[in-house]
């Protein structure tokens, strides 16, 4: 990366990338959860958006930093694939980057940190499959109908609130 005619590389670039990711996470962090705060966003022409939805907040931001853009794209992918969890994805990704940067600053090589993260992902998936996955047929028809009705209700309420704002 060239800045003012000088080359920036290594730890300086890594620190800048982590700082940008953490800044994006801090923007949406306070909107997380049932007591999350709403954000009032004003665009260039003065239109006001009030929301606590991470995907909406991130979509309204004008981001120029490449690492921050990647984090926003990650949130958009999460929204497109699952429809929820964008704020959590951004916060977790930023925290993983921050922790990895600290390990690298302590002298651990980046490839070793990545290898550790890959092992952690495999162990997490193994744990989820062993302990948290429930087969739908074991839940019973009444529970499945109840869960489906809950999801439809949430969808309708979100749609109504979008119309109100």
Protein backbone atom coordinates (compact mmCIF):
# COMPACT_ATOMS: atom_id res chain seq x y z
CA UNK A 1 0.00 0.00 0.00
CA UNK A 2 1.41 3.40 -0.93
CA UNK A 3 0.68 6.35 1.31
CA UNK A 4 2.27 9.71 0.50
CA UNK A 5 4.99 8.02 -1.54
CA UNK A 6 6.08 5.59 1.15
CA UNK A 7 5.36 1.89 1.36
CA UNK A 8 3.42 0.63 4.36
CA UNK A 9 3.50 -3.09 5.09
CA UNK A 10 3.54 -5.73 7.76
CA UNK A 11 2.38 -4.88 11.23
CA UNK A 12 1.27 -1.32 10.34
CA UNK A 13 -1.14 -2.55 7.67
CA UNK A 14 -2.37 -5.38 9.89
CA UNK A 15 -3.02 -2.95 12.76
CA UNK A 16 -4.88 -0.56 10.42
CA UNK A 17 -7.03 -3.43 9.12
CA UNK A 18 -7.89 -4.62 12.62
CA UNK A 19 -8.64 -1.07 13.74
CA UNK A 20 -11.02 -0.60 10.80
CA UNK A 21 -12.79 -3.90 11.56
CA UNK A 22 -13.15 -3.06 15.24
CA UNK A 23 -14.50 0.40 14.34
CA UNK A 24 -17.21 -1.20 12.19
CA UNK A 25 -18.06 -3.64 14.99
CA UNK A 26 -18.28 -0.81 17.52
CA UNK A 27 -20.80 0.99 15.32
CA UNK A 28 -23.24 -1.93 15.37
CA UNK A 29 -22.37 -3.41 18.78
CA UNK A 30 -24.76 -1.21 20.75
CA UNK A 31 -27.68 -2.29 18.56
CA UNK A 32 -27.29 -5.98 19.48
CA UNK A 33 -29.86 -7.89 21.46
CA UNK A 34 -33.29 -7.25 22.91
CA UNK A 35 -32.18 -4.03 24.63
CA UNK A 36 -30.16 -2.87 21.63
CA UNK A 37 -30.23 0.81 20.88
CA UNK A 38 -31.66 2.24 17.69
CA UNK A 39 -29.43 4.27 15.39
CA UNK A 40 -30.64 7.32 13.55
CA UNK A 41 -28.98 7.50 10.15
CA UNK A 42 -29.23 10.51 7.85
CA UNK A 43 -28.18 10.13 4.21
CA UNK A 44 -26.83 12.76 1.81
CA UNK A 45 -30.25 14.10 0.87
CA UNK A 46 -31.56 14.22 4.42
CA UNK A 47 -33.65 11.05 4.52
CA UNK A 48 -33.72 9.64 8.05
CA UNK A 49 -33.60 5.94 8.88
CA UNK A 50 -34.10 4.71 12.45
CA UNK A 51 -33.12 1.08 12.99
CA UNK A 52 -31.28 -1.36 15.21
CA UNK A 53 -30.80 -3.86 12.37
CA UNK A 54 -27.10 -4.41 11.73
CA UNK A 55 -27.57 -5.08 8.02
CA UNK A 56 -29.46 -1.82 7.54
CA UNK A 57 -26.92 0.18 9.53
CA UNK A 58 -24.00 -1.28 7.58
CA UNK A 59 -25.74 -0.76 4.25
CA UNK A 60 -26.18 2.94 5.01
CA UNK A 61 -22.50 3.52 5.85
CA UNK A 62 -20.13 4.97 3.28
CA UNK A 63 -17.06 2.82 3.89
CA UNK A 64 -13.79 3.26 2.06
CA UNK A 65 -11.33 1.08 3.99
CA UNK A 66 -10.84 -2.28 2.20
CA UNK A 67 -10.84 -4.40 5.37
CA UNK A 68 -13.96 -2.67 6.66
CA UNK A 69 -15.64 -3.28 3.29
CA UNK A 70 -14.87 -6.99 3.62
CA UNK A 71 -16.58 -7.02 7.00
CA UNK A 72 -19.64 -5.31 5.53
CA UNK A 73 -19.69 -7.85 2.68
CA UNK A 74 -19.52 -10.63 5.28
CA UNK A 75 -22.58 -9.16 6.99
CA UNK A 76 -24.41 -8.88 3.65
CA UNK A 77 -23.62 -12.53 2.90
CA UNK A 78 -24.95 -13.53 6.32
CA UNK A 79 -28.11 -11.53 5.68
CA UNK A 80 -28.59 -13.08 2.23
CA UNK A 81 -27.97 -16.65 3.41
CA UNK A 82 -29.68 -16.63 6.82
CA UNK A 83 -31.60 -13.37 7.07
CA UNK A 84 -30.39 -12.64 10.57
CA UNK A 85 -27.22 -12.47 12.66
CA UNK A 86 -25.42 -9.73 10.75
CA UNK A 87 -24.48 -7.80 13.87
CA UNK A 88 -23.22 -10.93 15.61
CA UNK A 89 -21.13 -11.92 12.58
CA UNK A 90 -19.46 -8.51 12.46
CA UNK A 91 -18.76 -8.46 16.20
CA UNK A 92 -17.35 -12.01 16.25
CA UNK A 93 -15.21 -11.43 13.15
CA UNK A 94 -13.78 -8.20 14.55
CA UNK A 95 -13.02 -9.87 17.88
CA UNK A 96 -11.29 -12.79 16.15
CA UNK A 97 -9.17 -10.32 14.16
CA UNK A 98 -8.34 -8.36 17.30
CA UNK A 99 -7.30 -11.50 19.20
CA UNK A 100 -5.27 -12.78 16.24
CA UNK A 101 -3.48 -9.45 16.00
CA UNK A 102 -2.60 -9.65 19.69
CA UNK A 103 -1.17 -13.14 19.21
CA UNK A 104 0.89 -11.95 16.25
CA UNK A 105 2.13 -8.99 18.29
CA UNK A 106 3.26 -11.52 20.93
CA UNK A 107 5.46 -13.18 18.32
CA UNK A 108 3.25 -16.01 17.07
CA UNK A 109 3.50 -16.34 13.29
CA UNK A 110 0.27 -15.54 11.36
CA UNK A 111 0.20 -19.00 9.74
CA UNK A 112 0.25 -20.59 13.19
CA UNK A 113 -2.64 -18.35 14.29
CA UNK A 114 -4.61 -19.34 11.19
CA UNK A 115 -3.87 -23.01 11.78
CA UNK A 116 -5.20 -22.60 15.32
CA UNK A 117 -8.37 -20.95 14.04
CA UNK A 118 -8.90 -23.79 11.55
CA UNK A 119 -8.58 -26.34 14.36
CA UNK A 120 -11.00 -24.29 16.47
CA UNK A 121 -13.56 -24.27 13.64
CA UNK A 122 -13.34 -28.05 13.27
CA UNK A 123 -13.77 -28.54 17.03
CA UNK A 124 -16.69 -26.09 17.15
CA UNK A 125 -18.48 -27.87 14.29
CA UNK A 126 -17.85 -31.22 15.96
CA UNK A 127 -19.29 -29.92 19.25
CA UNK A 128 -22.34 -28.39 17.54
CA UNK A 129 -23.09 -31.61 15.67
CA UNK A 130 -22.69 -33.71 18.82
CA UNK A 131 -24.53 -31.51 21.32
CA UNK A 132 -26.69 -28.86 19.70
CA UNK A 133 -28.30 -30.43 16.63
CA UNK A 134 -31.82 -31.75 17.13
CA UNK A 135 -33.54 -33.80 14.46
CA UNK A 136 -36.78 -32.17 13.38
CA UNK A 137 -38.78 -35.40 13.57
CA UNK A 138 -37.87 -35.78 17.27
CA UNK A 139 -39.50 -32.44 18.11
CA UNK A 140 -43.02 -33.51 17.32
CA UNK A 141 -45.62 -31.94 15.06
CA UNK A 142 -46.93 -29.43 17.64
CA UNK A 143 -43.49 -27.98 18.34
CA UNK A 144 -42.69 -27.66 14.63
CA UNK A 145 -45.99 -25.87 13.96
CA UNK A 146 -45.35 -23.58 16.94
CA UNK A 147 -41.86 -22.74 15.70
CA UNK A 148 -43.18 -22.06 12.20
CA UNK A 149 -45.92 -19.79 13.52
CA UNK A 150 -43.37 -17.89 15.61
CA UNK A 151 -41.17 -17.30 12.56
CA UNK A 152 -44.12 -16.12 10.47
CA UNK A 153 -45.17 -13.76 13.28
CA UNK A 154 -41.66 -12.31 13.55
CA UNK A 155 -41.52 -11.86 9.78
CA UNK A 156 -44.88 -10.07 9.70
CA UNK A 157 -43.93 -7.81 12.63
CA UNK A 158 -40.63 -6.88 10.97
CA UNK A 159 -42.51 -6.05 7.77
CA UNK A 160 -45.01 -3.88 9.64
CA UNK A 161 -42.25 -2.02 11.49
CA UNK A 162 -40.44 -1.43 8.19
CA UNK A 163 -43.60 0.13 6.80
CA UNK A 164 -43.90 2.38 9.85
CA UNK A 165 -40.36 3.69 9.49
